[in-house]
Amino acid sequence: MIKKEVLAALMDAKKEKIVRVVFNAPEELYLKEIAERSAVPMASAYRILQELVSSGIIQRRHWKTSKVYSPAKTEQTDMLKELFFDEYDGVKVFV
């Protein structure tokens, strides 16, 4: 098993989906966007995001009356970003 599969096996499926969505997004995301892209119910996504924010993996930024989420800028999250990176092959998707 490669590192990505081992780490994914240690996390529950919902948490893995949320981490994958947040770490592969080119911009900050709202809770609703994260829930939709990960196919995780909004209440579960909110709870998981709170855990990830408190552990320092994801950062929350207040923007006007909204909150946006993005990966924290730390050495540990750089490792996670590398592990959860999904390569996007545009040609394969097109064909």
C-alpha atoms as a PDB file:
ATOM      1  CA  MET A   1       0.000   0.000   0.000  1.00  0.00           C
ATOM      2  CA  ILE A   2       1.219   3.475  -0.773  1.00  0.00           C
ATOM      3  CA  LYS A   3       1.200   6.307   1.771  1.00  0.00           C
ATOM      4  CA  LYS A   4      -1.984   7.846   0.393  1.00  0.00           C
ATOM      5  CA  GLU A   5      -3.937   4.608   0.759  1.00  0.00           C
ATOM      6  CA  VAL A   6      -2.639   3.983   4.289  1.00  0.00           C
ATOM      7  CA  LEU A   7      -3.571   7.482   5.439  1.00  0.00           C
ATOM      8  CA  ALA A   8      -6.973   7.264   3.759  1.00  0.00           C
ATOM      9  CA  ALA A   9      -7.612   3.954   5.511  1.00  0.00           C
ATOM     10  CA  LEU A  10      -6.945   5.588   8.890  1.00  0.00           C
ATOM     11  CA  MET A  11      -9.460   8.379   8.251  1.00  0.00           C
ATOM     12  CA  ASP A  12     -13.179   7.877   7.939  1.00  0.00           C
ATOM     13  CA  ALA A  13     -14.609   8.248   4.438  1.00  0.00           C
ATOM     14  CA  LYS A  14     -16.335  11.595   5.031  1.00  0.00           C
ATOM     15  CA  LYS A  15     -13.243  13.208   6.504  1.00  0.00           C
ATOM     16  CA  GLU A  16     -11.124  11.930   3.625  1.00  0.00           C
ATOM     17  CA  LYS A  17     -13.552  13.394   1.059  1.00  0.00           C
ATOM     18  CA  ILE A  18     -13.527  16.786   2.751  1.00  0.00           C
ATOM     19  CA  VAL A  19      -9.733  16.896   3.068  1.00  0.00           C
ATOM     20  CA  ARG A  20      -9.412  15.879  -0.589  1.00  0.00           C
ATOM     21  CA  VAL A  21     -11.827  18.629  -1.723  1.00  0.00           C
ATOM     22  CA  VAL A  22     -10.215  21.389   0.355  1.00  0.00           C
ATOM     23  CA  PHE A  23      -6.640  20.428  -0.526  1.00  0.00           C
ATOM     24  CA  ASN A  24      -7.346  20.159  -4.273  1.00  0.00           C
ATOM     25  CA  ALA A  25      -9.304  23.402  -4.581  1.00  0.00           C
ATOM     26  CA  PRO A  26      -7.435  26.287  -6.192  1.00  0.00           C
ATOM     27  CA  GLU A  27      -9.322  28.828  -4.054  1.00  0.00           C
ATOM     28  CA  GLU A  28     -10.969  29.159  -0.660  1.00  0.00           C
ATOM     29  CA  LEU A  29     -14.314  27.405  -0.353  1.00  0.00           C
ATOM     30  CA  TYR A  30     -17.522  28.018   1.554  1.00  0.00           C
ATOM     31  CA  LEU A  31     -19.084  25.289   3.681  1.00  0.00           C
ATOM     32  CA  LYS A  32     -21.841  24.724   1.124  1.00  0.00           C
ATOM     33  CA  GLU A  33     -19.313  24.286  -1.695  1.00  0.00           C
ATOM     34  CA  ILE A  34     -17.282  21.803   0.344  1.00  0.00           C
ATOM     35  CA  ALA A  35     -20.407  19.807   1.234  1.00  0.00           C
ATOM     36  CA  GLU A  36     -21.591  19.703  -2.382  1.00  0.00           C
ATOM     37  CA  ARG A  37     -18.223  18.794  -3.902  1.00  0.00           C
ATOM     38  CA  SER A  38     -17.538  16.089  -1.330  1.00  0.00           C
ATOM     39  CA  ALA A  39     -21.111  14.710  -1.290  1.00  0.00           C
ATOM     40  CA  VAL A  40     -21.096  14.910   2.516  1.00  0.00           C
ATOM     41  CA  PRO A  41     -24.178  16.283   4.327  1.00  0.00           C
ATOM     42  CA  MET A  42     -23.732  19.897   5.384  1.00  0.00           C
ATOM     43  CA  ALA A  43     -24.050  19.167   9.130  1.00  0.00           C
ATOM     44  CA  SER A  44     -21.360  16.475   8.939  1.00  0.00           C
ATOM     45  CA  ALA A  45     -19.147  18.699   6.796  1.00  0.00           C
ATOM     46  CA  TYR A  46     -19.468  21.512   9.355  1.00  0.00           C
ATOM     47  CA  ARG A  47     -18.549  19.187  12.242  1.00  0.00           C
ATOM     48  CA  ILE A  48     -15.564  17.738  10.373  1.00  0.00           C
ATOM     49  CA  LEU A  49     -14.330  21.184   9.320  1.00  0.00           C
ATOM     50  CA  GLN A  50     -14.461  22.328  12.953  1.00  0.00           C
ATOM     51  CA  GLU A  51     -12.284  19.360  13.956  1.00  0.00           C
ATOM     52  CA  LEU A  52      -9.808  20.069  11.154  1.00  0.00           C
ATOM     53  CA  VAL A  53      -9.655  23.787  12.015  1.00  0.00           C
ATOM     54  CA  SER A  54      -9.030  23.065  15.704  1.00  0.00           C
ATOM     55  CA  SER A  55      -6.252  20.613  14.793  1.00  0.00           C
ATOM     56  CA  GLY A  56      -4.584  23.197  12.536  1.00  0.00           C
ATOM     57  CA  ILE A  57      -4.972  21.294   9.268  1.00  0.00           C
ATOM     58  CA  ILE A  58      -7.473  23.704   7.727  1.00  0.00           C
ATOM     59  CA  GLN A  59      -7.746  27.427   8.318  1.00  0.00           C
ATOM     60  CA  ARG A  60     -11.002  29.360   8.522  1.00  0.00           C
ATOM     61  CA  ARG A  61     -11.120  32.978   7.447  1.00  0.00           C
ATOM     62  CA  HIS A  62     -14.033  35.306   8.064  1.00  0.00           C
ATOM     63  CA  TRP A  63     -15.008  37.261   4.992  1.00  0.00           C
ATOM     64  CA  LYS A  64     -17.791  39.788   5.511  1.00  0.00           C
ATOM     65  CA  THR A  65     -20.574  37.660   7.003  1.00  0.00           C
ATOM     66  CA  SER A  66     -19.252  34.377   5.616  1.00  0.00           C
ATOM     67  CA  LYS A  67     -16.523  31.914   6.509  1.00  0.00           C
ATOM     68  CA  VAL A  68     -14.197  30.417   3.935  1.00  0.00           C
ATOM     69  CA  TYR A  69     -11.927  27.409   4.363  1.00  0.00           C
ATOM     70  CA  SER A  70      -8.528  26.586   2.903  1.00  0.00           C
ATOM     71  CA  PRO A  71      -5.544  24.410   3.806  1.00  0.00           C
ATOM     72  CA  ALA A  72      -3.375  25.863   6.561  1.00  0.00           C
ATOM     73  CA  LYS A  73       0.066  27.007   5.429  1.00  0.00           C
ATOM     74  CA  THR A  74       2.276  24.706   7.500  1.00  0.00           C
ATOM     75  CA  GLU A  75       4.896  22.060   6.869  1.00  0.00           C
ATOM     76  CA  GLN A  76       2.525  19.295   7.981  1.00  0.00           C
ATOM     77  CA  THR A  77      -0.209  20.375   5.600  1.00  0.00           C
ATOM     78  CA  ASP A  78       2.292  20.488   2.745  1.00  0.00           C
ATOM     79  CA  MET A  79       2.798  16.769   3.332  1.00  0.00           C
ATOM     80  CA  LEU A  80      -0.967  16.182   3.386  1.00  0.00           C
ATOM     81  CA  LYS A  81      -1.424  18.234   0.238  1.00  0.00           C
ATOM     82  CA  GLU A  82       1.128  16.040  -1.482  1.00  0.00           C
ATOM     83  CA  LEU A  83      -0.587  12.858  -0.275  1.00  0.00           C
ATOM     84  CA  PHE A  84      -4.124  13.930  -1.214  1.00  0.00           C
ATOM     85  CA  PHE A  85      -3.258  15.579  -4.522  1.00  0.00           C
ATOM     86  CA  ASP A  86      -5.499  14.349  -7.333  1.00  0.00           C
ATOM     87  CA  GLU A  87      -3.984  14.639 -10.775  1.00  0.00           C
ATOM     88  CA  TYR A  88      -6.456  16.030 -13.270  1.00  0.00           C
ATOM     89  CA  ASP A  89      -6.122  14.740 -16.803  1.00  0.00           C
ATOM     90  CA  GLY A  90      -8.229  17.090 -18.922  1.00  0.00           C
ATOM     91  CA  VAL A  91      -7.767  15.058 -22.099  1.00  0.00           C
ATOM     92  CA  LYS A  92      -9.000  11.882 -20.385  1.00  0.00           C
ATOM     93  CA  VAL A  93     -12.062  13.704 -19.063  1.00  0.00           C
ATOM     94  CA  PHE A  94     -12.749  15.207 -22.477  1.00  0.00           C
ATOM     95  CA  VAL A  95     -12.505  11.865 -24.273  1.00  0.00           C
END
